[in-house]
Structure formats: structure tokens, C-alpha cells
């Protein structure tokens, strides 16, 4: 019954050991995506202030 759940990273395709079926990305890709999303949020915030 000691079964390991393996998921596959949707960005790079490496296998990731996870107990969650919702896990989409490995740690490295998650960090990259987190930084990209932060940059996008910052840019949107900057653009919304300009339009006012």
C-alpha cells in the first residue's frame, strides 16, 4: 500500500513526486512561473495607474 504518486510537470515534463493530483509544475518551473506572474501583476498595476 506504500504507493508513490508521480505527476508530470506540464512545463518541462519531469516526473514530480506529489501526493496532490493538482500539482502541475516541478519546483524549478514553479519558481519561474511565480516570477513571471509577479512581473505581469506589477506591469498591470503600473498600466492601471497611467490610465487614471
PDB file of N, CA and C in Angstrom:
ATOM      1  N   UNK A   1       0.817  -1.201   0.000  1.00  0.00           N
ATOM      2  CA  UNK A   1       0.000   0.000   0.000  1.00  0.00           C
ATOM      3  C   UNK A   1       0.858   1.260   0.000  1.00  0.00           C
ATOM      4  N   UNK A   2       2.165   1.111   0.063  1.00  0.00           N
ATOM      5  CA  UNK A   2       3.061   2.263   0.073  1.00  0.00           C
ATOM      6  C   UNK A   2       3.341   2.701  -1.363  1.00  0.00           C
ATOM      7  N   UNK A   3       2.329   3.217  -2.042  1.00  0.00           N
ATOM      8  CA  UNK A   3       2.433   3.587  -3.446  1.00  0.00           C
ATOM      9  C   UNK A   3       2.799   5.065  -3.564  1.00  0.00           C
ATOM     10  N   UNK A   4       3.783   5.348  -4.413  1.00  0.00           N
ATOM     11  CA  UNK A   4       4.183   6.735  -4.634  1.00  0.00           C
ATOM     12  C   UNK A   4       3.389   7.293  -5.808  1.00  0.00           C
ATOM     13  N   UNK A   5       2.817   8.455  -5.616  1.00  0.00           N
ATOM     14  CA  UNK A   5       2.087   9.109  -6.694  1.00  0.00           C
ATOM     15  C   UNK A   5       3.060   9.976  -7.472  1.00  0.00           C
ATOM     16  N   UNK A   6       3.166   9.734  -8.775  1.00  0.00           N
ATOM     17  CA  UNK A   6       4.035  10.538  -9.608  1.00  0.00           C
ATOM     18  C   UNK A   6       3.190  11.376 -10.550  1.00  0.00           C
ATOM     19  N   UNK A   7       3.493  12.638 -10.599  1.00  0.00           N
ATOM     20  CA  UNK A   7       2.850  13.546 -11.535  1.00  0.00           C
ATOM     21  C   UNK A   7       3.925  14.010 -12.504  1.00  0.00           C
ATOM     22  N   UNK A   8       3.524  14.584 -13.617  1.00  0.00           N
ATOM     23  CA  UNK A   8       4.472  15.071 -14.611  1.00  0.00           C
ATOM     24  C   UNK A   8       4.310  16.581 -14.719  1.00  0.00           C
ATOM     25  N   UNK A   9       5.432  17.283 -14.684  1.00  0.00           N
ATOM     26  CA  UNK A   9       5.432  18.738 -14.816  1.00  0.00           C
ATOM     27  C   UNK A   9       4.895  19.104 -16.197  1.00  0.00           C
ATOM     28  N   UNK A  10       3.938  20.030 -16.245  1.00  0.00           N
ATOM     29  CA  UNK A  10       3.334  20.424 -17.514  1.00  0.00           C
ATOM     30  C   UNK A  10       4.243  21.332 -18.330  1.00  0.00           C
ATOM     31  N   UNK A  11       5.265  21.898 -17.699  1.00  0.00           N
ATOM     32  CA  UNK A  11       6.158  22.807 -18.417  1.00  0.00           C
ATOM     33  C   UNK A  11       7.374  22.084 -18.984  1.00  0.00           C
ATOM     34  N   UNK A  12       8.062  21.275 -18.163  1.00  0.00           N
ATOM     35  CA  UNK A  12       9.298  20.636 -18.632  1.00  0.00           C
ATOM     36  C   UNK A  12       9.185  19.123 -18.789  1.00  0.00           C
ATOM     37  N   UNK A  13       8.133  18.517 -18.231  1.00  0.00           N
ATOM     38  CA  UNK A  13       7.906  17.092 -18.428  1.00  0.00           C
ATOM     39  C   UNK A  13       8.599  16.163 -17.448  1.00  0.00           C
ATOM     40  N   UNK A  14       9.264  16.701 -16.434  1.00  0.00           N
ATOM     41  CA  UNK A  14       9.927  15.838 -15.457  1.00  0.00           C
ATOM     42  C   UNK A  14       8.894  15.253 -14.497  1.00  0.00           C
ATOM     43  N   UNK A  15       9.200  14.083 -13.970  1.00  0.00           N
ATOM     44  CA  UNK A  15       8.298  13.459 -13.007  1.00  0.00           C
ATOM     45  C   UNK A  15       8.498  14.112 -11.647  1.00  0.00           C
ATOM     46  N   UNK A  16       7.402  14.417 -10.986  1.00  0.00           N
ATOM     47  CA  UNK A  16       7.471  15.001  -9.651  1.00  0.00           C
ATOM     48  C   UNK A  16       6.688  14.110  -8.699  1.00  0.00           C
ATOM     49  N   UNK A  17       7.292  13.838  -7.563  1.00  0.00           N
ATOM     50  CA  UNK A  17       6.618  13.032  -6.552  1.00  0.00           C
ATOM     51  C   UNK A  17       5.688  13.949  -5.777  1.00  0.00           C
ATOM     52  N   UNK A  18       4.417  13.636  -5.818  1.00  0.00           N
ATOM     53  CA  UNK A  18       3.445  14.503  -5.179  1.00  0.00           C
ATOM     54  C   UNK A  18       2.276  13.684  -4.660  1.00  0.00           C
ATOM     55  N   UNK A  19       1.740  14.108  -3.542  1.00  0.00           N
ATOM     56  CA  UNK A  19       0.551  13.460  -3.002  1.00  0.00           C
ATOM     57  C   UNK A  19      -0.703  14.148  -3.525  1.00  0.00           C
ATOM     58  N   UNK A  20      -0.522  15.257  -4.233  1.00  0.00           N
ATOM     59  CA  UNK A  20      -1.648  16.017  -4.761  1.00  0.00           C
ATOM     60  C   UNK A  20      -1.779  15.789  -6.261  1.00  0.00           C
ATOM     61  N   UNK A  21      -2.958  15.439  -6.695  1.00  0.00           N
ATOM     62  CA  UNK A  21      -3.199  15.257  -8.128  1.00  0.00           C
ATOM     63  C   UNK A  21      -3.264  16.604  -8.842  1.00  0.00           C
ATOM     64  N   UNK A  22      -3.379  17.686  -8.077  1.00  0.00           N
ATOM     65  CA  UNK A  22      -3.482  19.018  -8.666  1.00  0.00           C
ATOM     66  C   UNK A  22      -2.123  19.648  -8.963  1.00  0.00           C
ATOM     67  N   UNK A  23      -1.048  19.005  -8.551  1.00  0.00           N
ATOM     68  CA  UNK A  23       0.292  19.555  -8.769  1.00  0.00           C
ATOM     69  C   UNK A  23       0.576  19.604 -10.269  1.00  0.00           C
ATOM     70  N   UNK A  24       0.931  20.771 -10.792  1.00  0.00           N
ATOM     71  CA  UNK A  24       1.144  20.932 -12.227  1.00  0.00           C
ATOM     72  C   UNK A  24       2.608  21.095 -12.604  1.00  0.00           C
ATOM     73  N   UNK A  25       3.415  21.703 -11.723  1.00  0.00           N
ATOM     74  CA  UNK A  25       4.775  22.052 -12.084  1.00  0.00           C
ATOM     75  C   UNK A  25       5.779  21.567 -11.051  1.00  0.00           C
ATOM     76  N   UNK A  26       7.008  21.325 -11.500  1.00  0.00           N
ATOM     77  CA  UNK A  26       8.089  20.975 -10.582  1.00  0.00           C
ATOM     78  C   UNK A  26       8.539  22.249  -9.855  1.00  0.00           C
ATOM     79  N   UNK A  27       9.399  22.110  -8.897  1.00  0.00           N
ATOM     80  CA  UNK A  27       9.825  23.247  -8.071  1.00  0.00           C
ATOM     81  C   UNK A  27      10.508  24.326  -8.911  1.00  0.00           C
ATOM     82  N   UNK A  28      11.379  23.909  -9.835  1.00  0.00           N
ATOM     83  CA  UNK A  28      12.104  24.882 -10.657  1.00  0.00           C
ATOM     84  C   UNK A  28      11.147  25.677 -11.540  1.00  0.00           C
ATOM     85  N   UNK A  29      10.230  24.980 -12.208  1.00  0.00           N
ATOM     86  CA  UNK A  29       9.272  25.659 -13.083  1.00  0.00           C
ATOM     87  C   UNK A  29       8.318  26.533 -12.279  1.00  0.00           C
ATOM     88  N   UNK A  30       7.953  26.079 -11.084  1.00  0.00           N
ATOM     89  CA  UNK A  30       7.060  26.851 -10.229  1.00  0.00           C
ATOM     90  C   UNK A  30       7.685  28.194  -9.877  1.00  0.00           C
ATOM     91  N   UNK A  31       8.987  28.194  -9.599  1.00  0.00           N
ATOM     92  CA  UNK A  31       9.698  29.432  -9.264  1.00  0.00           C
ATOM     93  C   UNK A  31       9.696  30.389 -10.462  1.00  0.00           C
ATOM     94  N   UNK A  32       9.965  29.856 -11.658  1.00  0.00           N
ATOM     95  CA  UNK A  32       9.979  30.669 -12.879  1.00  0.00           C
ATOM     96  C   UNK A  32       8.597  31.271 -13.130  1.00  0.00           C
ATOM     97  N   UNK A  33       7.569  30.447 -13.015  1.00  0.00           N
ATOM     98  CA  UNK A  33       6.197  30.904 -13.253  1.00  0.00           C
ATOM     99  C   UNK A  33       5.788  31.944 -12.222  1.00  0.00           C
ATOM    100  N   UNK A  34       6.185  31.743 -10.969  1.00  0.00           N
ATOM    101  CA  UNK A  34       5.862  32.698  -9.905  1.00  0.00           C
ATOM    102  C   UNK A  34       6.460  34.072 -10.208  1.00  0.00           C
ATOM    103  N   UNK A  35       7.711  34.094 -10.677  1.00  0.00           N
ATOM    104  CA  UNK A  35       8.365  35.360 -11.004  1.00  0.00           C
ATOM    105  C   UNK A  35       7.714  36.027 -12.216  1.00  0.00           C
ATOM    106  N   UNK A  36       7.346  35.229 -13.224  1.00  0.00           N
ATOM    107  CA  UNK A  36       6.675  35.781 -14.404  1.00  0.00           C
ATOM    108  C   UNK A  36       5.341  36.414 -14.022  1.00  0.00           C
ATOM    109  N   UNK A  37       4.577  35.720 -13.193  1.00  0.00           N
ATOM    110  CA  UNK A  37       3.275  36.237 -12.783  1.00  0.00           C
ATOM    111  C   UNK A  37       3.422  37.504 -11.946  1.00  0.00           C
ATOM    112  N   UNK A  38       4.457  37.570 -11.122  1.00  0.00           N
ATOM    113  CA  UNK A  38       4.700  38.774 -10.317  1.00  0.00           C
ATOM    114  C   UNK A  38       5.023  39.959 -11.222  1.00  0.00           C
ATOM    115  N   UNK A  39       5.845  39.722 -12.258  1.00  0.00           N
ATOM    116  CA  UNK A  39       6.168  40.786 -13.211  1.00  0.00           C
ATOM    117  C   UNK A  39       4.917  41.270 -13.935  1.00  0.00           C
ATOM    118  N   UNK A  40       4.068  40.321 -14.348  1.00  0.00           N
ATOM    119  CA  UNK A  40       2.831  40.682 -15.047  1.00  0.00           C
ATOM    120  C   UNK A  40       1.900  41.487 -14.148  1.00  0.00           C
ATOM    121  N   UNK A  41       1.779  41.094 -12.874  1.00  0.00           N
ATOM    122  CA  UNK A  41       0.935  41.841 -11.934  1.00  0.00           C
ATOM    123  C   UNK A  41       1.457  43.260 -11.749  1.00  0.00           C
ATOM    124  N   UNK A  42       2.776  43.386 -11.631  1.00  0.00           N
ATOM    125  CA  UNK A  42       3.396  44.695 -11.442  1.00  0.00           C
ATOM    126  C   UNK A  42       3.141  45.583 -12.664  1.00  0.00           C
ATOM    127  N   UNK A  43       3.254  45.000 -13.858  1.00  0.00           N
ATOM    128  CA  UNK A  43       3.039  45.752 -15.093  1.00  0.00           C
ATOM    129  C   UNK A  43       1.574  46.194 -15.214  1.00  0.00           C
ATOM    130  N   UNK A  44       0.644  45.295 -14.881  1.00  0.00           N
ATOM    131  CA  UNK A  44      -0.781  45.651 -14.936  1.00  0.00           C
ATOM    132  C   UNK A  44      -1.101  46.777 -13.960  1.00  0.00           C
ATOM    133  N   UNK A  45      -0.508  46.700 -12.770  1.00  0.00           N
ATOM    134  CA  UNK A  45      -0.734  47.731 -11.757  1.00  0.00           C
ATOM    135  C   UNK A  45      -0.194  49.071 -12.254  1.00  0.00           C
ATOM    136  N   UNK A  46       0.978  49.042 -12.876  1.00  0.00           N
ATOM    137  CA  UNK A  46       1.599  50.249 -13.407  1.00  0.00           C
ATOM    138  C   UNK A  46       0.737  50.847 -14.523  1.00  0.00           C
ATOM    139  N   UNK A  47       0.217  49.981 -15.398  1.00  0.00           N
ATOM    140  CA  UNK A  47      -0.612  50.443 -16.508  1.00  0.00           C
ATOM    141  C   UNK A  47      -1.946  51.000 -16.032  1.00  0.00           C
ATOM    142  N   UNK A  48      -2.515  50.422 -14.994  1.00  0.00           N
ATOM    143  CA  UNK A  48      -3.805  50.909 -14.495  1.00  0.00           C
ATOM    144  C   UNK A  48      -3.654  52.285 -13.853  1.00  0.00           C
ATOM    145  N   UNK A  49      -2.510  52.567 -13.255  1.00  0.00           N
ATOM    146  CA  UNK A  49      -2.274  53.890 -12.665  1.00  0.00           C
ATOM    147  C   UNK A  49      -2.106  54.943 -13.759  1.00  0.00           C
ATOM    148  N   UNK A  50      -1.499  54.565 -14.898  1.00  0.00           N
ATOM    149  CA  UNK A  50      -1.306  55.505 -16.001  1.00  0.00           C
ATOM    150  C   UNK A  50      -2.632  55.899 -16.637  1.00  0.00           C
ATOM    151  N   UNK A  51      -3.566  54.968 -16.727  1.00  0.00           N
ATOM    152  CA  UNK A  51      -4.834  55.232 -17.407  1.00  0.00           C
ATOM    153  C   UNK A  51      -5.774  56.115 -16.590  1.00  0.00           C
ATOM    154  N   UNK A  52      -5.505  56.306 -15.311  1.00  0.00           N
ATOM    155  CA  UNK A  52      -6.376  57.140 -14.463  1.00  0.00           C
ATOM    156  C   UNK A  52      -6.080  58.602 -14.638  1.00  0.00           C
TER     157      UNK A  52
END
